[in-house]
Amino acid sequence: MENEREWTGNAIDLRGNLEASGVREIVIEFEGGDYDSFTSKLNDDFGAYELHQMAGYIDAIIGSISKGQRS
């Protein structure tokens, strides 16, 4: 059964609503079954600053994967 609260998409999908609320966990799944799971250390939900920092982390992961694929 699909998780009804799960969202799959990208930042372009959020164009009309850039204010996130209710984000409690961010899970990044990699091929092969590995995953990273993140929760807010300060609150139950992520705040805007934490989400901004997470975006930087995701951008770094994408850069690392892209460089690895070019080799």
N, C-alpha and C. Protein backbone atom coordinates (compact mmCIF):
# COMPACT_ATOMS: atom_id res chain seq x y z
N MET A 1 0.84 -1.19 0.00
CA MET A 1 0.00 0.00 0.00
C MET A 1 0.88 1.25 0.00
N GLU A 2 0.59 2.19 -0.89
CA GLU A 2 1.35 3.43 -1.00
C GLU A 2 1.15 4.29 0.24
N ASN A 3 2.20 4.96 0.65
CA ASN A 3 2.10 5.91 1.75
C ASN A 3 1.40 7.16 1.24
N GLU A 4 0.22 7.46 1.75
CA GLU A 4 -0.57 8.59 1.26
C GLU A 4 0.10 9.93 1.53
N ARG A 5 1.02 9.98 2.45
CA ARG A 5 1.69 11.24 2.78
C ARG A 5 3.02 11.39 2.05
N GLU A 6 3.39 10.40 1.27
CA GLU A 6 4.65 10.44 0.55
C GLU A 6 4.55 11.37 -0.66
N TRP A 7 5.56 12.17 -0.88
CA TRP A 7 5.59 13.07 -2.03
C TRP A 7 6.82 12.75 -2.84
N THR A 8 6.64 12.59 -4.12
CA THR A 8 7.76 12.39 -5.03
C THR A 8 7.66 13.48 -6.08
N GLY A 9 8.72 14.21 -6.27
CA GLY A 9 8.68 15.30 -7.25
C GLY A 9 9.96 16.08 -7.22
N ASN A 10 9.89 17.32 -7.65
CA ASN A 10 11.06 18.18 -7.64
C ASN A 10 10.63 19.60 -7.34
N ALA A 11 11.60 20.48 -7.24
CA ALA A 11 11.32 21.86 -6.85
C ALA A 11 10.43 22.58 -7.85
N ILE A 12 10.49 22.20 -9.10
CA ILE A 12 9.65 22.85 -10.11
C ILE A 12 8.17 22.61 -9.81
N ASP A 13 7.85 21.46 -9.24
CA ASP A 13 6.46 21.15 -8.89
C ASP A 13 5.92 22.09 -7.82
N LEU A 14 6.79 22.75 -7.09
CA LEU A 14 6.39 23.62 -5.98
C LEU A 14 6.27 25.09 -6.38
N ARG A 15 6.35 25.39 -7.66
CA ARG A 15 6.37 26.79 -8.11
C ARG A 15 5.29 27.65 -7.47
N GLY A 16 4.09 27.15 -7.38
CA GLY A 16 3.00 27.95 -6.83
C GLY A 16 3.02 28.03 -5.32
N ASN A 17 3.67 27.12 -4.63
CA ASN A 17 3.66 27.08 -3.17
C ASN A 17 5.05 26.72 -2.66
N LEU A 18 5.88 27.74 -2.44
CA LEU A 18 7.25 27.49 -2.00
C LEU A 18 7.36 27.36 -0.49
N GLU A 19 6.28 27.59 0.23
CA GLU A 19 6.32 27.48 1.69
C GLU A 19 5.97 26.06 2.12
N ALA A 20 6.97 25.34 2.54
CA ALA A 20 6.76 23.95 2.98
C ALA A 20 6.28 23.95 4.42
N SER A 21 5.40 23.02 4.74
CA SER A 21 4.98 22.86 6.12
C SER A 21 4.66 21.39 6.35
N GLY A 22 4.92 20.92 7.54
CA GLY A 22 4.59 19.55 7.88
C GLY A 22 5.60 18.53 7.40
N VAL A 23 6.80 18.99 6.99
CA VAL A 23 7.83 18.04 6.56
C VAL A 23 8.51 17.50 7.81
N ARG A 24 8.30 16.22 8.09
CA ARG A 24 8.85 15.60 9.30
C ARG A 24 10.07 14.75 9.02
N GLU A 25 10.17 14.22 7.82
CA GLU A 25 11.28 13.32 7.49
C GLU A 25 11.60 13.45 6.01
N ILE A 26 12.88 13.39 5.70
CA ILE A 26 13.34 13.38 4.32
C ILE A 26 14.13 12.09 4.14
N VAL A 27 13.73 11.28 3.17
CA VAL A 27 14.40 10.01 2.90
C VAL A 27 14.92 10.05 1.48
N ILE A 28 16.21 9.80 1.32
CA ILE A 28 16.83 9.70 0.00
C ILE A 28 17.16 8.24 -0.23
N GLU A 29 16.55 7.66 -1.25
CA GLU A 29 16.78 6.25 -1.57
C GLU A 29 17.73 6.15 -2.75
N PHE A 30 18.71 5.27 -2.62
CA PHE A 30 19.70 5.05 -3.66
C PHE A 30 19.46 3.69 -4.30
N GLU A 31 19.95 3.54 -5.53
CA GLU A 31 19.87 2.23 -6.16
C GLU A 31 20.63 1.23 -5.30
N GLY A 32 20.18 0.02 -5.26
CA GLY A 32 20.83 -1.00 -4.44
C GLY A 32 20.23 -1.13 -3.05
N GLY A 33 19.24 -0.28 -2.73
CA GLY A 33 18.56 -0.42 -1.46
C GLY A 33 19.09 0.45 -0.34
N ASP A 34 20.21 1.13 -0.52
CA ASP A 34 20.72 2.04 0.53
C ASP A 34 19.84 3.27 0.61
N TYR A 35 19.78 3.88 1.79
CA TYR A 35 19.01 5.11 1.95
C TYR A 35 19.57 5.94 3.10
N ASP A 36 19.31 7.24 3.05
CA ASP A 36 19.61 8.16 4.13
C ASP A 36 18.29 8.74 4.60
N SER A 37 18.10 8.82 5.91
CA SER A 37 16.88 9.35 6.49
C SER A 37 17.23 10.51 7.41
N PHE A 38 16.53 11.63 7.27
CA PHE A 38 16.81 12.83 8.05
C PHE A 38 15.55 13.31 8.75
N THR A 39 15.69 13.69 10.01
CA THR A 39 14.62 14.34 10.76
C THR A 39 15.19 15.60 11.39
N SER A 40 14.33 16.54 11.74
CA SER A 40 14.77 17.79 12.35
C SER A 40 15.32 17.52 13.75
N LYS A 41 16.43 18.12 14.04
CA LYS A 41 17.02 17.97 15.37
C LYS A 41 16.41 18.98 16.36
N LEU A 42 15.76 20.02 15.85
CA LEU A 42 15.25 21.08 16.70
C LEU A 42 13.74 21.00 16.97
N ASN A 43 12.99 20.52 15.99
CA ASN A 43 11.53 20.53 16.09
C ASN A 43 10.97 19.21 15.53
N ASP A 44 9.65 19.07 15.63
CA ASP A 44 9.00 17.92 15.01
C ASP A 44 9.03 18.03 13.49
N ASP A 45 8.88 19.25 12.97
CA ASP A 45 8.88 19.51 11.53
C ASP A 45 10.14 20.28 11.16
N PHE A 46 10.54 20.15 9.89
CA PHE A 46 11.66 20.94 9.40
C PHE A 46 11.24 22.40 9.26
N GLY A 47 12.14 23.29 9.61
CA GLY A 47 11.91 24.71 9.38
C GLY A 47 12.51 25.12 8.04
N ALA A 48 12.24 26.36 7.63
CA ALA A 48 12.70 26.85 6.34
C ALA A 48 14.23 26.78 6.23
N TYR A 49 14.95 27.16 7.28
CA TYR A 49 16.41 27.15 7.22
C TYR A 49 16.94 25.73 7.07
N GLU A 50 16.37 24.79 7.81
CA GLU A 50 16.80 23.39 7.70
C GLU A 50 16.53 22.84 6.30
N LEU A 51 15.39 23.19 5.72
CA LEU A 51 15.08 22.74 4.37
C LEU A 51 16.04 23.37 3.36
N HIS A 52 16.41 24.62 3.59
CA HIS A 52 17.40 25.28 2.73
C HIS A 52 18.74 24.54 2.80
N GLN A 53 19.16 24.18 3.99
CA GLN A 53 20.41 23.44 4.16
C GLN A 53 20.31 22.06 3.52
N MET A 54 19.17 21.40 3.63
CA MET A 54 18.97 20.09 3.02
C MET A 54 19.07 20.19 1.50
N ALA A 55 18.55 21.28 0.94
CA ALA A 55 18.64 21.48 -0.51
C ALA A 55 20.10 21.55 -0.95
N GLY A 56 20.94 22.21 -0.16
CA GLY A 56 22.37 22.26 -0.46
C GLY A 56 23.01 20.89 -0.40
N TYR A 57 22.62 20.09 0.59
CA TYR A 57 23.14 18.73 0.73
C TYR A 57 22.73 17.87 -0.47
N ILE A 58 21.47 17.97 -0.87
CA ILE A 58 20.99 17.21 -2.02
C ILE A 58 21.72 17.63 -3.28
N ASP A 59 21.96 18.93 -3.44
CA ASP A 59 22.70 19.42 -4.59
C ASP A 59 24.12 18.84 -4.62
N ALA A 60 24.75 18.73 -3.45
CA ALA A 60 26.10 18.14 -3.37
C ALA A 60 26.07 16.65 -3.74
N ILE A 61 25.03 15.95 -3.30
CA ILE A 61 24.89 14.53 -3.65
C ILE A 61 24.75 14.38 -5.16
N ILE A 62 23.91 15.22 -5.76
CA ILE A 62 23.70 15.16 -7.21
C ILE A 62 25.02 15.42 -7.94
N GLY A 63 25.79 16.38 -7.46
CA GLY A 63 27.09 16.66 -8.07
C GLY A 63 28.04 15.48 -7.96
N SER A 64 28.06 14.82 -6.81
CA SER A 64 28.92 13.66 -6.62
C SER A 64 28.52 12.50 -7.53
N ILE A 65 27.21 12.30 -7.65
CA ILE A 65 26.73 11.21 -8.52
C ILE A 65 27.05 11.52 -9.98
N SER A 66 26.85 12.78 -10.38
CA SER A 66 27.14 13.16 -11.76
C SER A 66 28.61 12.98 -12.09
N LYS A 67 29.50 13.37 -11.19
CA LYS A 67 30.94 13.19 -11.42
C LYS A 67 31.30 11.73 -11.49
N GLY A 68 30.68 10.90 -10.66
CA GLY A 68 30.94 9.47 -10.67
C GLY A 68 30.49 8.81 -11.95
N GLN A 69 29.42 9.31 -12.54
CA GLN A 69 28.90 8.73 -13.77
C GLN A 69 29.75 9.12 -14.98
N ARG A 70 30.45 10.24 -14.89
CA ARG A 70 31.29 10.69 -15.99
C ARG A 70 32.58 9.89 -16.09
N SER A 71 33.01 9.29 -15.01
CA SER A 71 34.30 8.57 -14.98
C SER A 71 34.27 7.35 -15.87
